């Protein structure tokens, strides 16, 4: 049997994109880890940097942390609902 070939981005290029997103969005390594876990691409983060005319928009760093917290709460509720017997 033949091996399946999957298309992968070049590691160097992807790392460079994450480094650029980290710098532009002022993210820490922990913020980058959370963004990757949430399934964001570096380009998606850079596109969501608020401009001066968007005062209602949270900075990317805070936005990622809020989304990650919501994901963790949802997972905890789901786990808790499975643990409770009827």
PDB file of N, CA and C in Angstrom:
ATOM      1  N   UNK A   1       0.845  -1.181   0.000  1.00  0.00           N
ATOM      2  CA  UNK A   1       0.000   0.000   0.000  1.00  0.00           C
ATOM      3  C   UNK A   1       0.884   1.234   0.000  1.00  0.00           C
ATOM      4  N   UNK A   2       0.438   2.230  -0.729  1.00  0.00           N
ATOM      5  CA  UNK A   2       1.191   3.477  -0.811  1.00  0.00           C
ATOM      6  C   UNK A   2       0.848   4.402   0.342  1.00  0.00           C
ATOM      7  N   UNK A   3       1.771   5.268   0.634  1.00  0.00           N
ATOM      8  CA  UNK A   3       1.546   6.248   1.688  1.00  0.00           C
ATOM      9  C   UNK A   3       0.828   7.450   1.118  1.00  0.00           C
ATOM     10  N   UNK A   4      -0.076   7.996   1.899  1.00  0.00           N
ATOM     11  CA  UNK A   4      -0.772   9.207   1.475  1.00  0.00           C
ATOM     12  C   UNK A   4       0.124  10.405   1.694  1.00  0.00           C
ATOM     13  N   UNK A   5       0.128  11.278   0.745  1.00  0.00           N
ATOM     14  CA  UNK A   5       0.883  12.511   0.892  1.00  0.00           C
ATOM     15  C   UNK A   5      -0.079  13.623   1.258  1.00  0.00           C
ATOM     16  N   UNK A   6       0.276  14.341   2.274  1.00  0.00           N
ATOM     17  CA  UNK A   6      -0.558  15.463   2.675  1.00  0.00           C
ATOM     18  C   UNK A   6       0.195  16.747   2.418  1.00  0.00           C
ATOM     19  N   UNK A   7      -0.571  17.759   2.064  1.00  0.00           N
ATOM     20  CA  UNK A   7       0.031  19.061   1.811  1.00  0.00           C
ATOM     21  C   UNK A   7       0.263  19.757   3.139  1.00  0.00           C
ATOM     22  N   UNK A   8       1.464  20.189   3.361  1.00  0.00           N
ATOM     23  CA  UNK A   8       1.785  20.901   4.590  1.00  0.00           C
ATOM     24  C   UNK A   8       2.487  22.199   4.219  1.00  0.00           C
ATOM     25  N   UNK A   9       2.235  23.217   5.015  1.00  0.00           N
ATOM     26  CA  UNK A   9       2.945  24.469   4.819  1.00  0.00           C
ATOM     27  C   UNK A   9       4.395  24.271   5.236  1.00  0.00           C
ATOM     28  N   UNK A  10       5.268  24.979   4.587  1.00  0.00           N
ATOM     29  CA  UNK A  10       6.674  24.867   4.947  1.00  0.00           C
ATOM     30  C   UNK A  10       6.856  25.382   6.375  1.00  0.00           C
ATOM     31  N   UNK A  11       7.552  24.623   7.211  1.00  0.00           N
ATOM     32  CA  UNK A  11       7.711  25.034   8.607  1.00  0.00           C
ATOM     33  C   UNK A  11       8.336  26.424   8.756  1.00  0.00           C
ATOM     34  N   UNK A  12       9.307  26.747   7.943  1.00  0.00           N
ATOM     35  CA  UNK A  12       9.957  28.047   8.039  1.00  0.00           C
ATOM     36  C   UNK A  12       9.017  29.192   7.733  1.00  0.00           C
ATOM     37  N   UNK A  13       8.184  29.009   6.720  1.00  0.00           N
ATOM     38  CA  UNK A  13       7.254  30.065   6.333  1.00  0.00           C
ATOM     39  C   UNK A  13       6.189  30.266   7.411  1.00  0.00           C
ATOM     40  N   UNK A  14       5.650  29.173   7.925  1.00  0.00           N
ATOM     41  CA  UNK A  14       4.605  29.262   8.940  1.00  0.00           C
ATOM     42  C   UNK A  14       5.152  29.883  10.225  1.00  0.00           C
ATOM     43  N   UNK A  15       6.366  29.494  10.597  1.00  0.00           N
ATOM     44  CA  UNK A  15       6.985  30.073  11.795  1.00  0.00           C
ATOM     45  C   UNK A  15       7.201  31.570  11.630  1.00  0.00           C
ATOM     46  N   UNK A  16       7.591  31.979  10.440  1.00  0.00           N
ATOM     47  CA  UNK A  16       7.803  33.408  10.174  1.00  0.00           C
ATOM     48  C   UNK A  16       6.482  34.168  10.281  1.00  0.00           C
ATOM     49  N   UNK A  17       5.390  33.559   9.802  1.00  0.00           N
ATOM     50  CA  UNK A  17       4.076  34.207   9.896  1.00  0.00           C
ATOM     51  C   UNK A  17       3.649  34.347  11.355  1.00  0.00           C
ATOM     52  N   UNK A  18       3.878  33.310  12.163  1.00  0.00           N
ATOM     53  CA  UNK A  18       3.516  33.385  13.581  1.00  0.00           C
ATOM     54  C   UNK A  18       4.372  34.426  14.303  1.00  0.00           C
ATOM     55  N   UNK A  19       5.645  34.523  13.935  1.00  0.00           N
ATOM     56  CA  UNK A  19       6.517  35.526  14.550  1.00  0.00           C
ATOM     57  C   UNK A  19       6.034  36.936  14.210  1.00  0.00           C
ATOM     58  N   UNK A  20       5.609  37.131  12.964  1.00  0.00           N
ATOM     59  CA  UNK A  20       5.100  38.441  12.543  1.00  0.00           C
ATOM     60  C   UNK A  20       3.808  38.771  13.293  1.00  0.00           C
ATOM     61  N   UNK A  21       2.906  37.793  13.404  1.00  0.00           N
ATOM     62  CA  UNK A  21       1.644  38.007  14.128  1.00  0.00           C
ATOM     63  C   UNK A  21       1.918  38.302  15.598  1.00  0.00           C
ATOM     64  N   UNK A  22       2.875  37.599  16.172  1.00  0.00           N
ATOM     65  CA  UNK A  22       3.225  37.805  17.576  1.00  0.00           C
ATOM     66  C   UNK A  22       3.719  39.231  17.798  1.00  0.00           C
ATOM     67  N   UNK A  23       4.520  39.721  16.873  1.00  0.00           N
ATOM     68  CA  UNK A  23       5.073  41.071  16.994  1.00  0.00           C
ATOM     69  C   UNK A  23       4.000  42.133  16.769  1.00  0.00           C
ATOM     70  N   UNK A  24       3.215  41.989  15.698  1.00  0.00           N
ATOM     71  CA  UNK A  24       2.210  42.996  15.361  1.00  0.00           C
ATOM     72  C   UNK A  24       1.071  43.059  16.374  1.00  0.00           C
ATOM     73  N   UNK A  25       0.672  41.903  16.898  1.00  0.00           N
ATOM     74  CA  UNK A  25      -0.455  41.842  17.834  1.00  0.00           C
ATOM     75  C   UNK A  25      -0.010  41.937  19.285  1.00  0.00           C
ATOM     76  N   UNK A  26       1.297  42.029  19.501  1.00  0.00           N
ATOM     77  CA  UNK A  26       1.869  42.120  20.847  1.00  0.00           C
ATOM     78  C   UNK A  26       1.449  40.941  21.718  1.00  0.00           C
ATOM     79  N   UNK A  27       1.685  39.750  21.205  1.00  0.00           N
ATOM     80  CA  UNK A  27       1.281  38.527  21.892  1.00  0.00           C
ATOM     81  C   UNK A  27       2.463  37.891  22.608  1.00  0.00           C
ATOM     82  N   UNK A  28       2.168  37.180  23.673  1.00  0.00           N
ATOM     83  CA  UNK A  28       3.182  36.392  24.368  1.00  0.00           C
ATOM     84  C   UNK A  28       3.164  34.978  23.781  1.00  0.00           C
ATOM     85  N   UNK A  29       4.107  34.162  24.184  1.00  0.00           N
ATOM     86  CA  UNK A  29       4.143  32.776  23.721  1.00  0.00           C
ATOM     87  C   UNK A  29       2.874  32.036  24.159  1.00  0.00           C
ATOM     88  N   UNK A  30       2.383  32.349  25.349  1.00  0.00           N
ATOM     89  CA  UNK A  30       1.155  31.723  25.858  1.00  0.00           C
ATOM     90  C   UNK A  30      -0.048  32.128  25.002  1.00  0.00           C
ATOM     91  N   UNK A  31      -0.104  33.398  24.580  1.00  0.00           N
ATOM     92  CA  UNK A  31      -1.199  33.862  23.722  1.00  0.00           C
ATOM     93  C   UNK A  31      -1.166  33.157  22.373  1.00  0.00           C
ATOM     94  N   UNK A  32       0.036  32.955  21.838  1.00  0.00           N
ATOM     95  CA  UNK A  32       0.181  32.255  20.559  1.00  0.00           C
ATOM     96  C   UNK A  32      -0.295  30.813  20.707  1.00  0.00           C
ATOM     97  N   UNK A  33       0.054  30.178  21.828  1.00  0.00           N
ATOM     98  CA  UNK A  33      -0.384  28.789  22.070  1.00  0.00           C
ATOM     99  C   UNK A  33      -1.909  28.712  22.111  1.00  0.00           C
ATOM    100  N   UNK A  34      -2.531  29.670  22.810  1.00  0.00           N
ATOM    101  CA  UNK A  34      -3.998  29.692  22.894  1.00  0.00           C
ATOM    102  C   UNK A  34      -4.615  29.892  21.513  1.00  0.00           C
ATOM    103  N   UNK A  35      -4.049  30.795  20.726  1.00  0.00           N
ATOM    104  CA  UNK A  35      -4.574  31.065  19.383  1.00  0.00           C
ATOM    105  C   UNK A  35      -4.473  29.826  18.503  1.00  0.00           C
ATOM    106  N   UNK A  36      -3.363  29.127  18.593  1.00  0.00           N
ATOM    107  CA  UNK A  36      -3.201  27.897  17.808  1.00  0.00           C
ATOM    108  C   UNK A  36      -4.209  26.848  18.251  1.00  0.00           C
ATOM    109  N   UNK A  37      -4.427  26.738  19.564  1.00  0.00           N
ATOM    110  CA  UNK A  37      -5.385  25.767  20.090  1.00  0.00           C
ATOM    111  C   UNK A  37      -6.807  26.101  19.652  1.00  0.00           C
ATOM    112  N   UNK A  38      -7.096  27.395  19.516  1.00  0.00           N
ATOM    113  CA  UNK A  38      -8.412  27.816  19.046  1.00  0.00           C
ATOM    114  C   UNK A  38      -8.571  27.639  17.543  1.00  0.00           C
ATOM    115  N   UNK A  39      -7.468  27.373  16.844  1.00  0.00           N
ATOM    116  CA  UNK A  39      -7.530  27.123  15.409  1.00  0.00           C
ATOM    117  C   UNK A  39      -7.321  28.350  14.545  1.00  0.00           C
ATOM    118  N   UNK A  40      -6.792  29.418  15.119  1.00  0.00           N
ATOM    119  CA  UNK A  40      -6.548  30.628  14.344  1.00  0.00           C
ATOM    120  C   UNK A  40      -5.282  30.499  13.520  1.00  0.00           C
ATOM    121  N   UNK A  41      -5.270  31.175  12.392  1.00  0.00           N
ATOM    122  CA  UNK A  41      -4.053  31.289  11.601  1.00  0.00           C
ATOM    123  C   UNK A  41      -3.425  32.640  11.930  1.00  0.00           C
ATOM    124  N   UNK A  42      -2.143  32.793  11.660  1.00  0.00           N
ATOM    125  CA  UNK A  42      -1.506  34.084  11.950  1.00  0.00           C
ATOM    126  C   UNK A  42      -2.174  35.227  11.176  1.00  0.00           C
ATOM    127  N   UNK A  43      -2.580  34.946   9.969  1.00  0.00           N
ATOM    128  CA  UNK A  43      -3.210  35.978   9.148  1.00  0.00           C
ATOM    129  C   UNK A  43      -4.539  36.430   9.748  1.00  0.00           C
ATOM    130  N   UNK A  44      -5.300  35.505  10.302  1.00  0.00           N
ATOM    131  CA  UNK A  44      -6.582  35.854  10.925  1.00  0.00           C
ATOM    132  C   UNK A  44      -6.377  36.792  12.104  1.00  0.00           C
ATOM    133  N   UNK A  45      -5.319  36.567  12.860  1.00  0.00           N
ATOM    134  CA  UNK A  45      -5.038  37.440  13.998  1.00  0.00           C
ATOM    135  C   UNK A  45      -4.666  38.843  13.527  1.00  0.00           C
ATOM    136  N   UNK A  46      -3.828  38.900  12.499  1.00  0.00           N
ATOM    137  CA  UNK A  46      -3.397  40.201  11.997  1.00  0.00           C
ATOM    138  C   UNK A  46      -4.557  40.982  11.384  1.00  0.00           C
ATOM    139  N   UNK A  47      -5.514  40.275  10.803  1.00  0.00           N
ATOM    140  CA  UNK A  47      -6.678  40.945  10.209  1.00  0.00           C
ATOM    141  C   UNK A  47      -7.597  41.529  11.284  1.00  0.00           C
ATOM    142  N   UNK A  48      -7.505  41.033  12.501  1.00  0.00           N
ATOM    143  CA  UNK A  48      -8.393  41.485  13.569  1.00  0.00           C
ATOM    144  C   UNK A  48      -7.769  42.517  14.496  1.00  0.00           C
ATOM    145  N   UNK A  49      -6.677  43.118  14.086  1.00  0.00           N
ATOM    146  CA  UNK A  49      -6.086  44.201  14.868  1.00  0.00           C
ATOM    147  C   UNK A  49      -7.011  45.407  14.731  1.00  0.00           C
ATOM    148  N   UNK A  50      -7.504  45.959  15.849  1.00  0.00           N
ATOM    149  CA  UNK A  50      -8.431  47.091  15.751  1.00  0.00           C
ATOM    150  C   UNK A  50      -7.736  48.361  15.245  1.00  0.00           C
ATOM    151  N   UNK A  51      -8.431  49.080  14.385  1.00  0.00           N
ATOM    152  CA  UNK A  51      -7.898  50.354  13.908  1.00  0.00           C
ATOM    153  C   UNK A  51      -8.396  51.465  14.826  1.00  0.00           C
ATOM    154  N   UNK A  52      -7.938  52.661  14.585  1.00  0.00           N
ATOM    155  CA  UNK A  52      -8.330  53.787  15.422  1.00  0.00           C
ATOM    156  C   UNK A  52      -9.815  54.092  15.358  1.00  0.00           C
ATOM    157  N   UNK A  53     -10.455  53.729  14.241  1.00  0.00           N
ATOM    158  CA  UNK A  53     -11.886  53.998  14.099  1.00  0.00           C
ATOM    159  C   UNK A  53     -12.748  52.877  14.679  1.00  0.00           C
ATOM    160  N   UNK A  54     -12.131  51.909  15.337  1.00  0.00           N
ATOM    161  CA  UNK A  54     -12.862  50.782  15.931  1.00  0.00           C
ATOM    162  C   UNK A  54     -12.595  50.711  17.442  1.00  0.00           C
ATOM    163  N   UNK A  55     -13.057  51.712  18.190  1.00  0.00           N
ATOM    164  CA  UNK A  55     -12.770  51.718  19.632  1.00  0.00           C
ATOM    165  C   UNK A  55     -13.487  50.618  20.414  1.00  0.00           C
ATOM    166  N   UNK A  56     -14.519  50.036  19.840  1.00  0.00           N
ATOM    167  CA  UNK A  56     -15.273  48.984  20.530  1.00  0.00           C
ATOM    168  C   UNK A  56     -14.543  47.643  20.483  1.00  0.00           C
ATOM    169  N   UNK A  57     -13.597  47.507  19.572  1.00  0.00           N
ATOM    170  CA  UNK A  57     -12.905  46.244  19.373  1.00  0.00           C
ATOM    171  C   UNK A  57     -11.801  46.079  20.408  1.00  0.00           C
ATOM    172  N   UNK A  58     -11.752  44.923  21.047  1.00  0.00           N
ATOM    173  CA  UNK A  58     -10.702  44.641  22.031  1.00  0.00           C
ATOM    174  C   UNK A  58      -9.401  44.328  21.302  1.00  0.00           C
ATOM    175  N   UNK A  59      -8.267  44.609  21.928  1.00  0.00           N
ATOM    176  CA  UNK A  59      -6.990  44.203  21.332  1.00  0.00           C
ATOM    177  C   UNK A  59      -6.957  42.687  21.144  1.00  0.00           C
ATOM    178  N   UNK A  60      -6.188  42.246  20.174  1.00  0.00           N
ATOM    179  CA  UNK A  60      -6.143  40.821  19.826  1.00  0.00           C
ATOM    180  C   UNK A  60      -5.778  39.975  21.043  1.00  0.00           C
ATOM    181  N   UNK A  61      -4.852  40.442  21.848  1.00  0.00           N
ATOM    182  CA  UNK A  61      -4.411  39.694  23.036  1.00  0.00           C
ATOM    183  C   UNK A  61      -5.592  39.409  23.970  1.00  0.00           C
ATOM    184  N   UNK A  62      -6.388  40.413  24.240  1.00  0.00           N
ATOM    185  CA  UNK A  62      -7.538  40.257  25.138  1.00  0.00           C
ATOM    186  C   UNK A  62      -8.615  39.400  24.482  1.00  0.00           C
ATOM    187  N   UNK A  63      -8.822  39.606  23.187  1.00  0.00           N
ATOM    188  CA  UNK A  63      -9.813  38.846  22.427  1.00  0.00           C
ATOM    189  C   UNK A  63      -9.514  37.349  22.474  1.00  0.00           C
ATOM    190  N   UNK A  64      -8.249  36.982  22.264  1.00  0.00           N
ATOM    191  CA  UNK A  64      -7.856  35.567  22.310  1.00  0.00           C
ATOM    192  C   UNK A  64      -8.097  34.992  23.702  1.00  0.00           C
ATOM    193  N   UNK A  65      -7.706  35.742  24.729  1.00  0.00           N
ATOM    194  CA  UNK A  65      -7.876  35.244  26.099  1.00  0.00           C
ATOM    195  C   UNK A  65      -9.346  35.061  26.451  1.00  0.00           C
ATOM    196  N   UNK A  66     -10.207  35.976  25.991  1.00  0.00           N
ATOM    197  CA  UNK A  66     -11.644  35.852  26.248  1.00  0.00           C
ATOM    198  C   UNK A  66     -12.218  34.621  25.549  1.00  0.00           C
ATOM    199  N   UNK A  67     -11.854  34.430  24.282  1.00  0.00           N
ATOM    200  CA  UNK A  67     -12.346  33.267  23.538  1.00  0.00           C
ATOM    201  C   UNK A  67     -11.856  31.966  24.163  1.00  0.00           C
ATOM    202  N   UNK A  68     -10.609  31.956  24.608  1.00  0.00           N
ATOM    203  CA  UNK A  68     -10.053  30.756  25.225  1.00  0.00           C
ATOM    204  C   UNK A  68     -10.772  30.442  26.532  1.00  0.00           C
ATOM    205  N   UNK A  69     -11.049  31.478  27.321  1.00  0.00           N
ATOM    206  CA  UNK A  69     -11.777  31.283  28.578  1.00  0.00           C
ATOM    207  C   UNK A  69     -13.178  30.729  28.313  1.00  0.00           C
ATOM    208  N   UNK A  70     -13.844  31.265  27.284  1.00  0.00           N
ATOM    209  CA  UNK A  70     -15.175  30.768  26.935  1.00  0.00           C
ATOM    210  C   UNK A  70     -15.110  29.306  26.525  1.00  0.00           C
ATOM    211  N   UNK A  71     -14.078  28.939  25.759  1.00  0.00           N
ATOM    212  CA  UNK A  71     -13.921  27.552  25.323  1.00  0.00           C
ATOM    213  C   UNK A  71     -13.712  26.631  26.524  1.00  0.00           C
ATOM    214  N   UNK A  72     -12.893  27.075  27.474  1.00  0.00           N
ATOM    215  CA  UNK A  72     -12.628  26.264  28.664  1.00  0.00           C
ATOM    216  C   UNK A  72     -13.882  26.095  29.515  1.00  0.00           C
ATOM    217  N   UNK A  73     -14.662  27.162  29.665  1.00  0.00           N
ATOM    218  CA  UNK A  73     -15.914  27.079  30.430  1.00  0.00           C
ATOM    219  C   UNK A  73     -16.892  26.124  29.763  1.00  0.00           C
ATOM    220  N   UNK A  74     -16.989  26.212  28.452  1.00  0.00           N
ATOM    221  CA  UNK A  74     -17.895  25.335  27.716  1.00  0.00           C
ATOM    222  C   UNK A  74     -17.479  23.872  27.864  1.00  0.00           C
ATOM    223  N   UNK A  75     -16.188  23.610  27.787  1.00  0.00           N
ATOM    224  CA  UNK A  75     -15.679  22.249  27.945  1.00  0.00           C
ATOM    225  C   UNK A  75     -15.952  21.729  29.355  1.00  0.00           C
ATOM    226  N   UNK A  76     -15.793  22.602  30.350  1.00  0.00           N
ATOM    227  CA  UNK A  76     -16.039  22.194  31.741  1.00  0.00           C
ATOM    228  C   UNK A  76     -17.521  21.873  31.950  1.00  0.00           C
ATOM    229  N   UNK A  77     -18.400  22.702  31.379  1.00  0.00           N
ATOM    230  CA  UNK A  77     -19.844  22.441  31.505  1.00  0.00           C
ATOM    231  C   UNK A  77     -20.208  21.127  30.827  1.00  0.00           C
ATOM    232  N   UNK A  78     -19.625  20.898  29.657  1.00  0.00           N
ATOM    233  CA  UNK A  78     -19.925  19.676  28.911  1.00  0.00           C
ATOM    234  C   UNK A  78     -19.450  18.450  29.692  1.00  0.00           C
ATOM    235  N   UNK A  79     -18.258  18.551  30.265  1.00  0.00           N
ATOM    236  CA  UNK A  79     -17.719  17.441  31.048  1.00  0.00           C
ATOM    237  C   UNK A  79     -18.570  17.215  32.291  1.00  0.00           C
ATOM    238  N   UNK A  80     -18.968  18.291  32.946  1.00  0.00           N
ATOM    239  CA  UNK A  80     -19.776  18.180  34.150  1.00  0.00           C
ATOM    240  C   UNK A  80     -21.137  17.559  33.847  1.00  0.00           C
ATOM    241  N   UNK A  81     -21.736  17.901  32.726  1.00  0.00           N
ATOM    242  CA  UNK A  81     -23.044  17.359  32.385  1.00  0.00           C
ATOM    243  C   UNK A  81     -22.962  15.860  32.084  1.00  0.00           C
ATOM    244  N   UNK A  82     -21.822  15.387  31.602  1.00  0.00           N
ATOM    245  CA  UNK A  82     -21.639  13.971  31.352  1.00  0.00           C
ATOM    246  C   UNK A  82     -21.415  13.210  32.658  1.00  0.00           C
ATOM    247  N   UNK A  83     -20.805  13.868  33.642  1.00  0.00           N
ATOM    248  CA  UNK A  83     -20.481  13.218  34.908  1.00  0.00           C
ATOM    249  C   UNK A  83     -21.690  13.063  35.826  1.00  0.00           C
ATOM    250  N   UNK A  84     -22.692  13.902  35.645  1.00  0.00           N
ATOM    251  CA  UNK A  84     -23.857  13.877  36.525  1.00  0.00           C
ATOM    252  C   UNK A  84     -24.801  12.753  36.081  1.00  0.00           C
ATOM    253  N   UNK A  85     -25.025  11.743  36.958  1.00  0.00           N
ATOM    254  CA  UNK A  85     -25.942  10.663  36.589  1.00  0.00           C
ATOM    255  C   UNK A  85     -27.405  11.115  36.698  1.00  0.00           C
ATOM    256  N   UNK A  86     -28.237  10.473  35.953  1.00  0.00           N
ATOM    257  CA  UNK A  86     -29.672  10.805  35.977  1.00  0.00           C
ATOM    258  C   UNK A  86     -30.405  10.014  37.000  1.00  0.00           C
TER     259      UNK A  86
END
